[in-house]
């Protein structure tokens, strides 16, 4: 038996989907702000904030996909509702995996 009832899971899936969608949008805003600041400063360490914000965006975007999957398993939405965002699933997963295993990639280990 699941830890939560189906109705509780639906609530949590929808709440999480909303949370991560908002987080992804906020990260886009943060990335844009960092980029503008980078263009002004052009220092040697100006890529550090961008890389950090990009990583946080990728985490948020992947969480959106996880919650879409959960909501889909619970038959909460018409499958076509997420067609436009689904186009980005493979790229998001690739970026997430590369970020999480960056040292292995640079050291030429298989991942």
PDB file of N, CA and C in Angstrom:
ATOM      1  N   UNK A   1       0.841  -1.182   0.000  1.00  0.00           N
ATOM      2  CA  UNK A   1       0.000   0.000   0.000  1.00  0.00           C
ATOM      3  C   UNK A   1       0.886   1.246   0.000  1.00  0.00           C
ATOM      4  N   UNK A   2       0.599   2.201  -0.888  1.00  0.00           N
ATOM      5  CA  UNK A   2       1.402   3.433  -0.927  1.00  0.00           C
ATOM      6  C   UNK A   2       1.295   4.213   0.384  1.00  0.00           C
ATOM      7  N   UNK A   3       2.311   5.002   0.647  1.00  0.00           N
ATOM      8  CA  UNK A   3       2.318   5.817   1.865  1.00  0.00           C
ATOM      9  C   UNK A   3       1.193   6.839   1.860  1.00  0.00           C
ATOM     10  N   UNK A   4       0.763   7.261   0.670  1.00  0.00           N
ATOM     11  CA  UNK A   4      -0.304   8.256   0.536  1.00  0.00           C
ATOM     12  C   UNK A   4      -1.447   7.664  -0.276  1.00  0.00           C
ATOM     13  N   UNK A   5      -2.639   8.118   0.015  1.00  0.00           N
ATOM     14  CA  UNK A   5      -3.785   7.712  -0.798  1.00  0.00           C
ATOM     15  C   UNK A   5      -3.645   8.334  -2.190  1.00  0.00           C
ATOM     16  N   UNK A   6      -4.446   7.859  -3.124  1.00  0.00           N
ATOM     17  CA  UNK A   6      -4.402   8.402  -4.481  1.00  0.00           C
ATOM     18  C   UNK A   6      -4.703   9.893  -4.475  1.00  0.00           C
ATOM     19  N   UNK A   7      -5.692  10.303  -3.703  1.00  0.00           N
ATOM     20  CA  UNK A   7      -6.034  11.728  -3.639  1.00  0.00           C
ATOM     21  C   UNK A   7      -4.902  12.551  -3.032  1.00  0.00           C
ATOM     22  N   UNK A   8      -4.246  12.018  -2.021  1.00  0.00           N
ATOM     23  CA  UNK A   8      -3.107  12.722  -1.425  1.00  0.00           C
ATOM     24  C   UNK A   8      -1.945  12.797  -2.411  1.00  0.00           C
ATOM     25  N   UNK A   9      -1.725  11.725  -3.158  1.00  0.00           N
ATOM     26  CA  UNK A   9      -0.676  11.742  -4.172  1.00  0.00           C
ATOM     27  C   UNK A   9      -0.976  12.781  -5.251  1.00  0.00           C
ATOM     28  N   UNK A  10      -2.231  12.874  -5.658  1.00  0.00           N
ATOM     29  CA  UNK A  10      -2.609  13.877  -6.659  1.00  0.00           C
ATOM     30  C   UNK A  10      -2.315  15.281  -6.153  1.00  0.00           C
ATOM     31  N   UNK A  11      -2.651  15.516  -4.888  1.00  0.00           N
ATOM     32  CA  UNK A  11      -2.377  16.833  -4.307  1.00  0.00           C
ATOM     33  C   UNK A  11      -0.874  17.111  -4.306  1.00  0.00           C
ATOM     34  N   UNK A  12      -0.080  16.118  -3.863  1.00  0.00           N
ATOM     35  CA  UNK A  12       1.365  16.310  -3.793  1.00  0.00           C
ATOM     36  C   UNK A  12       1.977  16.454  -5.185  1.00  0.00           C
ATOM     37  N   UNK A  13       1.493  15.681  -6.145  1.00  0.00           N
ATOM     38  CA  UNK A  13       2.015  15.776  -7.512  1.00  0.00           C
ATOM     39  C   UNK A  13       1.725  17.147  -8.105  1.00  0.00           C
ATOM     40  N   UNK A  14       0.499  17.624  -7.925  1.00  0.00           N
ATOM     41  CA  UNK A  14       0.131  18.938  -8.456  1.00  0.00           C
ATOM     42  C   UNK A  14       0.894  20.049  -7.742  1.00  0.00           C
ATOM     43  N   UNK A  15       1.007  19.942  -6.437  1.00  0.00           N
ATOM     44  CA  UNK A  15       1.745  20.949  -5.671  1.00  0.00           C
ATOM     45  C   UNK A  15       3.212  20.985  -6.096  1.00  0.00           C
ATOM     46  N   UNK A  16       3.814  19.808  -6.251  1.00  0.00           N
ATOM     47  CA  UNK A  16       5.207  19.748  -6.680  1.00  0.00           C
ATOM     48  C   UNK A  16       5.399  20.257  -8.095  1.00  0.00           C
ATOM     49  N   UNK A  17       4.463  19.907  -8.979  1.00  0.00           N
ATOM     50  CA  UNK A  17       4.547  20.383 -10.365  1.00  0.00           C
ATOM     51  C   UNK A  17       4.504  21.906 -10.403  1.00  0.00           C
ATOM     52  N   UNK A  18       3.589  22.474  -9.654  1.00  0.00           N
ATOM     53  CA  UNK A  18       3.486  23.948  -9.599  1.00  0.00           C
ATOM     54  C   UNK A  18       4.768  24.554  -9.020  1.00  0.00           C
ATOM     55  N   UNK A  19       5.246  23.990  -7.933  1.00  0.00           N
ATOM     56  CA  UNK A  19       6.452  24.506  -7.275  1.00  0.00           C
ATOM     57  C   UNK A  19       7.642  24.509  -8.223  1.00  0.00           C
ATOM     58  N   UNK A  20       7.860  23.381  -8.921  1.00  0.00           N
ATOM     59  CA  UNK A  20       9.033  23.279  -9.784  1.00  0.00           C
ATOM     60  C   UNK A  20       8.882  24.089 -11.063  1.00  0.00           C
ATOM     61  N   UNK A  21       7.654  24.254 -11.548  1.00  0.00           N
ATOM     62  CA  UNK A  21       7.448  25.144 -12.706  1.00  0.00           C
ATOM     63  C   UNK A  21       7.806  26.577 -12.338  1.00  0.00           C
ATOM     64  N   UNK A  22       7.347  27.017 -11.176  1.00  0.00           N
ATOM     65  CA  UNK A  22       7.673  28.368 -10.714  1.00  0.00           C
ATOM     66  C   UNK A  22       9.181  28.497 -10.516  1.00  0.00           C
ATOM     67  N   UNK A  23       9.799  27.485  -9.927  1.00  0.00           N
ATOM     68  CA  UNK A  23      11.247  27.530  -9.702  1.00  0.00           C
ATOM     69  C   UNK A  23      12.014  27.623 -11.021  1.00  0.00           C
ATOM     70  N   UNK A  24      11.586  26.869 -12.021  1.00  0.00           N
ATOM     71  CA  UNK A  24      12.268  26.908 -13.326  1.00  0.00           C
ATOM     72  C   UNK A  24      12.153  28.294 -13.947  1.00  0.00           C
ATOM     73  N   UNK A  25      10.980  28.895 -13.881  1.00  0.00           N
ATOM     74  CA  UNK A  25      10.794  30.243 -14.429  1.00  0.00           C
ATOM     75  C   UNK A  25      11.654  31.247 -13.663  1.00  0.00           C
ATOM     76  N   UNK A  26      11.688  31.128 -12.348  1.00  0.00           N
ATOM     77  CA  UNK A  26      12.519  32.037 -11.551  1.00  0.00           C
ATOM     78  C   UNK A  26      13.997  31.868 -11.892  1.00  0.00           C
ATOM     79  N   UNK A  27      14.416  30.644 -12.165  1.00  0.00           N
ATOM     80  CA  UNK A  27      15.805  30.426 -12.538  1.00  0.00           C
ATOM     81  C   UNK A  27      16.140  31.063 -13.877  1.00  0.00           C
ATOM     82  N   UNK A  28      15.203  31.050 -14.806  1.00  0.00           N
ATOM     83  CA  UNK A  28      15.431  31.739 -16.087  1.00  0.00           C
ATOM     84  C   UNK A  28      15.669  33.222 -15.828  1.00  0.00           C
ATOM     85  N   UNK A  29      14.877  33.798 -14.941  1.00  0.00           N
ATOM     86  CA  UNK A  29      15.054  35.214 -14.597  1.00  0.00           C
ATOM     87  C   UNK A  29      16.421  35.447 -13.961  1.00  0.00           C
ATOM     88  N   UNK A  30      16.834  34.552 -13.082  1.00  0.00           N
ATOM     89  CA  UNK A  30      18.139  34.682 -12.426  1.00  0.00           C
ATOM     90  C   UNK A  30      19.281  34.527 -13.437  1.00  0.00           C
ATOM     91  N   UNK A  31      19.130  33.577 -14.361  1.00  0.00           N
ATOM     92  CA  UNK A  31      20.150  33.391 -15.399  1.00  0.00           C
ATOM     93  C   UNK A  31      20.269  34.638 -16.256  1.00  0.00           C
ATOM     94  N   UNK A  32      19.144  35.208 -16.633  1.00  0.00           N
ATOM     95  CA  UNK A  32      19.170  36.432 -17.441  1.00  0.00           C
ATOM     96  C   UNK A  32      19.837  37.573 -16.697  1.00  0.00           C
ATOM     97  N   UNK A  33      19.576  37.703 -15.406  1.00  0.00           N
ATOM     98  CA  UNK A  33      20.201  38.755 -14.602  1.00  0.00           C
ATOM     99  C   UNK A  33      21.711  38.547 -14.529  1.00  0.00           C
ATOM    100  N   UNK A  34      22.134  37.309 -14.344  1.00  0.00           N
ATOM    101  CA  UNK A  34      23.565  37.006 -14.288  1.00  0.00           C
ATOM    102  C   UNK A  34      24.227  37.301 -15.632  1.00  0.00           C
ATOM    103  N   UNK A  35      23.560  36.931 -16.709  1.00  0.00           N
ATOM    104  CA  UNK A  35      24.118  37.187 -18.049  1.00  0.00           C
ATOM    105  C   UNK A  35      24.310  38.685 -18.285  1.00  0.00           C
ATOM    106  N   UNK A  36      23.309  39.465 -17.906  1.00  0.00           N
ATOM    107  CA  UNK A  36      23.434  40.925 -18.062  1.00  0.00           C
ATOM    108  C   UNK A  36      24.619  41.439 -17.256  1.00  0.00           C
ATOM    109  N   UNK A  37      24.770  40.937 -16.053  1.00  0.00           N
ATOM    110  CA  UNK A  37      25.882  41.351 -15.197  1.00  0.00           C
ATOM    111  C   UNK A  37      27.213  40.906 -15.799  1.00  0.00           C
ATOM    112  N   UNK A  38      27.254  39.716 -16.382  1.00  0.00           N
ATOM    113  CA  UNK A  38      28.469  39.217 -17.029  1.00  0.00           C
ATOM    114  C   UNK A  38      28.905  40.142 -18.163  1.00  0.00           C
ATOM    115  N   UNK A  39      27.943  40.586 -18.956  1.00  0.00           N
ATOM    116  CA  UNK A  39      28.263  41.448 -20.087  1.00  0.00           C
ATOM    117  C   UNK A  39      28.869  42.772 -19.630  1.00  0.00           C
ATOM    118  N   UNK A  40      28.450  43.221 -18.449  1.00  0.00           N
ATOM    119  CA  UNK A  40      28.974  44.476 -17.914  1.00  0.00           C
ATOM    120  C   UNK A  40      30.377  44.301 -17.336  1.00  0.00           C
ATOM    121  N   UNK A  41      30.609  43.219 -16.633  1.00  0.00           N
ATOM    122  CA  UNK A  41      31.860  43.053 -15.896  1.00  0.00           C
ATOM    123  C   UNK A  41      32.984  42.442 -16.712  1.00  0.00           C
ATOM    124  N   UNK A  42      32.722  41.366 -17.399  1.00  0.00           N
ATOM    125  CA  UNK A  42      33.729  40.654 -18.202  1.00  0.00           C
ATOM    126  C   UNK A  42      34.991  40.333 -17.405  1.00  0.00           C
ATOM    127  N   UNK A  43      34.810  39.764 -16.213  1.00  0.00           N
ATOM    128  CA  UNK A  43      35.955  39.357 -15.406  1.00  0.00           C
ATOM    129  C   UNK A  43      36.206  37.861 -15.610  1.00  0.00           C
ATOM    130  N   UNK A  44      37.326  37.394 -15.118  1.00  0.00           N
ATOM    131  CA  UNK A  44      37.686  35.985 -15.319  1.00  0.00           C
ATOM    132  C   UNK A  44      36.759  35.032 -14.574  1.00  0.00           C
ATOM    133  N   UNK A  45      36.146  35.488 -13.512  1.00  0.00           N
ATOM    134  CA  UNK A  45      35.261  34.603 -12.750  1.00  0.00           C
ATOM    135  C   UNK A  45      33.783  34.875 -13.025  1.00  0.00           C
ATOM    136  N   UNK A  46      33.488  35.596 -14.087  1.00  0.00           N
ATOM    137  CA  UNK A  46      32.095  35.948 -14.355  1.00  0.00           C
ATOM    138  C   UNK A  46      31.241  34.758 -14.771  1.00  0.00           C
ATOM    139  N   UNK A  47      31.876  33.648 -15.170  1.00  0.00           N
ATOM    140  CA  UNK A  47      31.096  32.476 -15.562  1.00  0.00           C
ATOM    141  C   UNK A  47      30.621  31.664 -14.358  1.00  0.00           C
ATOM    142  N   UNK A  48      31.223  31.875 -13.205  1.00  0.00           N
ATOM    143  CA  UNK A  48      30.861  31.090 -12.022  1.00  0.00           C
ATOM    144  C   UNK A  48      29.390  31.266 -11.641  1.00  0.00           C
ATOM    145  N   UNK A  49      28.882  32.480 -11.495  1.00  0.00           N
ATOM    146  CA  UNK A  49      27.462  32.616 -11.151  1.00  0.00           C
ATOM    147  C   UNK A  49      26.542  32.046 -12.234  1.00  0.00           C
ATOM    148  N   UNK A  50      26.911  32.216 -13.493  1.00  0.00           N
ATOM    149  CA  UNK A  50      26.093  31.675 -14.573  1.00  0.00           C
ATOM    150  C   UNK A  50      26.016  30.156 -14.491  1.00  0.00           C
ATOM    151  N   UNK A  51      27.163  29.518 -14.299  1.00  0.00           N
ATOM    152  CA  UNK A  51      27.178  28.061 -14.224  1.00  0.00           C
ATOM    153  C   UNK A  51      26.353  27.548 -13.054  1.00  0.00           C
ATOM    154  N   UNK A  52      26.417  28.231 -11.931  1.00  0.00           N
ATOM    155  CA  UNK A  52      25.631  27.829 -10.766  1.00  0.00           C
ATOM    156  C   UNK A  52      24.133  27.988 -11.040  1.00  0.00           C
ATOM    157  N   UNK A  53      23.738  29.129 -11.576  1.00  0.00           N
ATOM    158  CA  UNK A  53      22.314  29.357 -11.863  1.00  0.00           C
ATOM    159  C   UNK A  53      21.812  28.405 -12.944  1.00  0.00           C
ATOM    160  N   UNK A  54      22.654  28.111 -13.924  1.00  0.00           N
ATOM    161  CA  UNK A  54      22.277  27.148 -14.967  1.00  0.00           C
ATOM    162  C   UNK A  54      22.033  25.779 -14.351  1.00  0.00           C
ATOM    163  N   UNK A  55      22.888  25.377 -13.439  1.00  0.00           N
ATOM    164  CA  UNK A  55      22.711  24.088 -12.765  1.00  0.00           C
ATOM    165  C   UNK A  55      21.383  24.058 -12.007  1.00  0.00           C
ATOM    166  N   UNK A  56      21.084  25.122 -11.293  1.00  0.00           N
ATOM    167  CA  UNK A  56      19.825  25.170 -10.529  1.00  0.00           C
ATOM    168  C   UNK A  56      18.620  25.118 -11.471  1.00  0.00           C
ATOM    169  N   UNK A  57      18.735  25.740 -12.639  1.00  0.00           N
ATOM    170  CA  UNK A  57      17.652  25.663 -13.620  1.00  0.00           C
ATOM    171  C   UNK A  57      17.448  24.228 -14.090  1.00  0.00           C
ATOM    172  N   UNK A  58      18.539  23.559 -14.394  1.00  0.00           N
ATOM    173  CA  UNK A  58      18.439  22.184 -14.888  1.00  0.00           C
ATOM    174  C   UNK A  58      17.814  21.281 -13.833  1.00  0.00           C
ATOM    175  N   UNK A  59      18.185  21.468 -12.583  1.00  0.00           N
ATOM    176  CA  UNK A  59      17.577  20.685 -11.498  1.00  0.00           C
ATOM    177  C   UNK A  59      16.076  20.950 -11.450  1.00  0.00           C
ATOM    178  N   UNK A  60      15.680  22.205 -11.487  1.00  0.00           N
ATOM    179  CA  UNK A  60      14.259  22.557 -11.439  1.00  0.00           C
ATOM    180  C   UNK A  60      13.520  21.999 -12.650  1.00  0.00           C
ATOM    181  N   UNK A  61      14.115  22.115 -13.820  1.00  0.00           N
ATOM    182  CA  UNK A  61      13.462  21.606 -15.034  1.00  0.00           C
ATOM    183  C   UNK A  61      13.276  20.103 -14.958  1.00  0.00           C
ATOM    184  N   UNK A  62      14.281  19.385 -14.458  1.00  0.00           N
ATOM    185  CA  UNK A  62      14.137  17.933 -14.360  1.00  0.00           C
ATOM    186  C   UNK A  62      13.064  17.563 -13.345  1.00  0.00           C
ATOM    187  N   UNK A  63      12.965  18.324 -12.265  1.00  0.00           N
ATOM    188  CA  UNK A  63      11.911  18.084 -11.274  1.00  0.00           C
ATOM    189  C   UNK A  63      10.530  18.283 -11.901  1.00  0.00           C
ATOM    190  N   UNK A  64      10.413  19.221 -12.822  1.00  0.00           N
ATOM    191  CA  UNK A  64       9.147  19.393 -13.545  1.00  0.00           C
ATOM    192  C   UNK A  64       8.800  18.094 -14.261  1.00  0.00           C
ATOM    193  N   UNK A  65       9.754  17.522 -14.966  1.00  0.00           N
ATOM    194  CA  UNK A  65       9.499  16.269 -15.685  1.00  0.00           C
ATOM    195  C   UNK A  65       9.144  15.131 -14.732  1.00  0.00           C
ATOM    196  N   UNK A  66       9.819  15.061 -13.596  1.00  0.00           N
ATOM    197  CA  UNK A  66       9.485  14.018 -12.623  1.00  0.00           C
ATOM    198  C   UNK A  66       8.038  14.143 -12.151  1.00  0.00           C
ATOM    199  N   UNK A  67       7.600  15.374 -11.936  1.00  0.00           N
ATOM    200  CA  UNK A  67       6.233  15.585 -11.461  1.00  0.00           C
ATOM    201  C   UNK A  67       5.203  15.410 -12.579  1.00  0.00           C
ATOM    202  N   UNK A  68       5.590  15.720 -13.800  1.00  0.00           N
ATOM    203  CA  UNK A  68       4.715  15.411 -14.942  1.00  0.00           C
ATOM    204  C   UNK A  68       4.495  13.896 -15.002  1.00  0.00           C
ATOM    205  N   UNK A  69       5.569  13.148 -14.834  1.00  0.00           N
ATOM    206  CA  UNK A  69       5.457  11.687 -14.867  1.00  0.00           C
ATOM    207  C   UNK A  69       4.541  11.182 -13.755  1.00  0.00           C
ATOM    208  N   UNK A  70       4.708  11.721 -12.567  1.00  0.00           N
ATOM    209  CA  UNK A  70       3.883  11.313 -11.428  1.00  0.00           C
ATOM    210  C   UNK A  70       2.421  11.646 -11.698  1.00  0.00           C
ATOM    211  N   UNK A  71       2.167  12.868 -12.145  1.00  0.00           N
ATOM    212  CA  UNK A  71       0.790  13.271 -12.445  1.00  0.00           C
ATOM    213  C   UNK A  71       0.198  12.412 -13.560  1.00  0.00           C
ATOM    214  N   UNK A  72       1.016  12.053 -14.524  1.00  0.00           N
ATOM    215  CA  UNK A  72       0.546  11.206 -15.622  1.00  0.00           C
ATOM    216  C   UNK A  72       0.183   9.815 -15.126  1.00  0.00           C
ATOM    217  N   UNK A  73       1.000   9.267 -14.231  1.00  0.00           N
ATOM    218  CA  UNK A  73       0.701   7.958 -13.656  1.00  0.00           C
ATOM    219  C   UNK A  73      -0.636   7.972 -12.909  1.00  0.00           C
ATOM    220  N   UNK A  74      -0.984   9.128 -12.367  1.00  0.00           N
ATOM    221  CA  UNK A  74      -2.238   9.278 -11.626  1.00  0.00           C
ATOM    222  C   UNK A  74      -3.387   9.723 -12.528  1.00  0.00           C
ATOM    223  N   UNK A  75      -3.133   9.787 -13.843  1.00  0.00           N
ATOM    224  CA  UNK A  75      -4.148  10.183 -14.842  1.00  0.00           C
ATOM    225  C   UNK A  75      -4.783  11.530 -14.508  1.00  0.00           C
ATOM    226  N   UNK A  76      -3.958  12.487 -14.123  1.00  0.00           N
ATOM    227  CA  UNK A  76      -4.465  13.795 -13.712  1.00  0.00           C
ATOM    228  C   UNK A  76      -4.740  14.727 -14.881  1.00  0.00           C
ATOM    229  N   UNK A  77      -4.030  14.566 -15.997  1.00  0.00           N
ATOM    230  CA  UNK A  77      -4.135  15.497 -17.110  1.00  0.00           C
ATOM    231  C   UNK A  77      -4.260  14.737 -18.423  1.00  0.00           C
ATOM    232  N   UNK A  78      -4.755  15.428 -19.420  1.00  0.00           N
ATOM    233  CA  UNK A  78      -4.739  14.869 -20.772  1.00  0.00           C
ATOM    234  C   UNK A  78      -3.276  14.731 -21.188  1.00  0.00           C
ATOM    235  N   UNK A  79      -2.898  13.607 -21.762  1.00  0.00           N
ATOM    236  CA  UNK A  79      -1.492  13.408 -22.147  1.00  0.00           C
ATOM    237  C   UNK A  79      -0.933  14.509 -23.048  1.00  0.00           C
ATOM    238  N   UNK A  80      -1.756  15.096 -23.883  1.00  0.00           N
ATOM    239  CA  UNK A  80      -1.273  16.116 -24.816  1.00  0.00           C
ATOM    240  C   UNK A  80      -0.958  17.456 -24.137  1.00  0.00           C
ATOM    241  N   UNK A  81      -1.353  17.610 -22.886  1.00  0.00           N
ATOM    242  CA  UNK A  81      -1.140  18.887 -22.195  1.00  0.00           C
ATOM    243  C   UNK A  81       0.335  19.285 -22.161  1.00  0.00           C
ATOM    244  N   UNK A  82       1.203  18.313 -22.065  1.00  0.00           N
ATOM    245  CA  UNK A  82       2.630  18.596 -21.911  1.00  0.00           C
ATOM    246  C   UNK A  82       3.432  18.359 -23.183  1.00  0.00           C
ATOM    247  N   UNK A  83       2.769  18.243 -24.313  1.00  0.00           N
ATOM    248  CA  UNK A  83       3.463  17.949 -25.573  1.00  0.00           C
ATOM    249  C   UNK A  83       4.587  18.944 -25.875  1.00  0.00           C
ATOM    250  N   UNK A  84       4.349  20.225 -25.671  1.00  0.00           N
ATOM    251  CA  UNK A  84       5.371  21.230 -26.016  1.00  0.00           C
ATOM    252  C   UNK A  84       6.603  21.121 -25.123  1.00  0.00           C
ATOM    253  N   UNK A  85       6.393  20.898 -23.852  1.00  0.00           N
ATOM    254  CA  UNK A  85       7.538  20.806 -22.938  1.00  0.00           C
ATOM    255  C   UNK A  85       8.269  19.472 -23.091  1.00  0.00           C
ATOM    256  N   UNK A  86       7.561  18.437 -23.499  1.00  0.00           N
ATOM    257  CA  UNK A  86       8.182  17.114 -23.668  1.00  0.00           C
ATOM    258  C   UNK A  86       9.313  17.140 -24.691  1.00  0.00           C
ATOM    259  N   UNK A  87       9.272  18.087 -25.602  1.00  0.00           N
ATOM    260  CA  UNK A  87      10.334  18.208 -26.602  1.00  0.00           C
ATOM    261  C   UNK A  87      11.702  18.452 -25.956  1.00  0.00           C
ATOM    262  N   UNK A  88      11.690  18.940 -24.725  1.00  0.00           N
ATOM    263  CA  UNK A  88      12.929  19.305 -24.038  1.00  0.00           C
ATOM    264  C   UNK A  88      13.392  18.245 -23.044  1.00  0.00           C
ATOM    265  N   UNK A  89      12.635  17.158 -22.903  1.00  0.00           N
ATOM    266  CA  UNK A  89      12.964  16.136 -21.896  1.00  0.00           C
ATOM    267  C   UNK A  89      14.357  15.532 -22.132  1.00  0.00           C
ATOM    268  N   UNK A  90      14.636  15.081 -23.325  1.00  0.00           N
ATOM    269  CA  UNK A  90      15.918  14.412 -23.596  1.00  0.00           C
ATOM    270  C   UNK A  90      17.096  15.358 -23.365  1.00  0.00           C
ATOM    271  N   UNK A  91      16.976  16.598 -23.819  1.00  0.00           N
ATOM    272  CA  UNK A  91      18.064  17.563 -23.623  1.00  0.00           C
ATOM    273  C   UNK A  91      18.244  17.879 -22.143  1.00  0.00           C
ATOM    274  N   UNK A  92      17.132  18.009 -21.428  1.00  0.00           N
ATOM    275  CA  UNK A  92      17.206  18.303 -19.993  1.00  0.00           C
ATOM    276  C   UNK A  92      17.882  17.160 -19.256  1.00  0.00           C
ATOM    277  N   UNK A  93      17.516  15.936 -19.610  1.00  0.00           N
ATOM    278  CA  UNK A  93      18.139  14.777 -18.957  1.00  0.00           C
ATOM    279  C   UNK A  93      19.631  14.719 -19.252  1.00  0.00           C
ATOM    280  N   UNK A  94      20.003  14.973 -20.494  1.00  0.00           N
ATOM    281  CA  UNK A  94      21.412  14.972 -20.865  1.00  0.00           C
ATOM    282  C   UNK A  94      22.190  16.026 -20.077  1.00  0.00           C
ATOM    283  N   UNK A  95      21.662  17.242 -20.008  1.00  0.00           N
ATOM    284  CA  UNK A  95      22.332  18.313 -19.260  1.00  0.00           C
ATOM    285  C   UNK A  95      22.419  17.980 -17.773  1.00  0.00           C
ATOM    286  N   UNK A  96      21.328  17.418 -17.229  1.00  0.00           N
ATOM    287  CA  UNK A  96      21.339  17.032 -15.822  1.00  0.00           C
ATOM    288  C   UNK A  96      22.417  15.991 -15.570  1.00  0.00           C
ATOM    289  N   UNK A  97      22.464  14.972 -16.416  1.00  0.00           N
ATOM    290  CA  UNK A  97      23.458  13.914 -16.243  1.00  0.00           C
ATOM    291  C   UNK A  97      24.879  14.447 -16.375  1.00  0.00           C
ATOM    292  N   UNK A  98      25.102  15.318 -17.341  1.00  0.00           N
ATOM    293  CA  UNK A  98      26.447  15.884 -17.516  1.00  0.00           C
ATOM    294  C   UNK A  98      26.830  16.746 -16.314  1.00  0.00           C
ATOM    295  N   UNK A  99      25.893  17.536 -15.798  1.00  0.00           N
ATOM    296  CA  UNK A  99      26.196  18.358 -14.623  1.00  0.00           C
ATOM    297  C   UNK A  99      26.510  17.492 -13.408  1.00  0.00           C
ATOM    298  N   UNK A 100      25.753  16.421 -13.233  1.00  0.00           N
ATOM    299  CA  UNK A 100      25.953  15.574 -12.064  1.00  0.00           C
ATOM    300  C   UNK A 100      27.212  14.731 -12.167  1.00  0.00           C
ATOM    301  N   UNK A 101      27.699  14.513 -13.384  1.00  0.00           N
ATOM    302  CA  UNK A 101      28.877  13.675 -13.578  1.00  0.00           C
ATOM    303  C   UNK A 101      29.986  14.419 -14.313  1.00  0.00           C
ATOM    304  N   UNK A 102      30.081  15.699 -14.084  1.00  0.00           N
ATOM    305  CA  UNK A 102      31.003  16.541 -14.844  1.00  0.00           C
ATOM    306  C   UNK A 102      32.453  16.093 -14.689  1.00  0.00           C
ATOM    307  N   UNK A 103      32.837  15.710 -13.493  1.00  0.00           N
ATOM    308  CA  UNK A 103      34.236  15.313 -13.326  1.00  0.00           C
ATOM    309  C   UNK A 103      34.537  14.026 -14.089  1.00  0.00           C
ATOM    310  N   UNK A 104      33.572  13.100 -14.113  1.00  0.00           N
ATOM    311  CA  UNK A 104      33.769  11.864 -14.871  1.00  0.00           C
ATOM    312  C   UNK A 104      33.889  12.159 -16.364  1.00  0.00           C
ATOM    313  N   UNK A 105      33.084  13.095 -16.876  1.00  0.00           N
ATOM    314  CA  UNK A 105      33.171  13.462 -18.292  1.00  0.00           C
ATOM    315  C   UNK A 105      34.532  14.068 -18.616  1.00  0.00           C
ATOM    316  N   UNK A 106      34.999  14.967 -17.765  1.00  0.00           N
ATOM    317  CA  UNK A 106      36.285  15.600 -18.024  1.00  0.00           C
ATOM    318  C   UNK A 106      37.452  14.630 -17.895  1.00  0.00           C
ATOM    319  N   UNK A 107      37.274  13.593 -17.101  1.00  0.00           N
ATOM    320  CA  UNK A 107      38.302  12.579 -16.925  1.00  0.00           C
ATOM    321  C   UNK A 107      38.121  11.417 -17.892  1.00  0.00           C
ATOM    322  N   UNK A 108      37.195  11.567 -18.828  1.00  0.00           N
ATOM    323  CA  UNK A 108      36.925  10.592 -19.889  1.00  0.00           C
ATOM    324  C   UNK A 108      36.439   9.247 -19.359  1.00  0.00           C
ATOM    325  N   UNK A 109      35.711   9.280 -18.245  1.00  0.00           N
ATOM    326  CA  UNK A 109      35.076   8.061 -17.750  1.00  0.00           C
ATOM    327  C   UNK A 109      33.706   7.951 -18.418  1.00  0.00           C
ATOM    328  N   UNK A 110      33.260   6.769 -18.654  1.00  0.00           N
ATOM    329  CA  UNK A 110      31.961   6.573 -19.328  1.00  0.00           C
ATOM    330  C   UNK A 110      30.811   6.844 -18.375  1.00  0.00           C
ATOM    331  N   UNK A 111      29.881   7.682 -18.850  1.00  0.00           N
ATOM    332  CA  UNK A 111      28.619   7.951 -18.129  1.00  0.00           C
ATOM    333  C   UNK A 111      27.588   8.339 -19.119  1.00  0.00           C
TER     334      UNK A 111
END
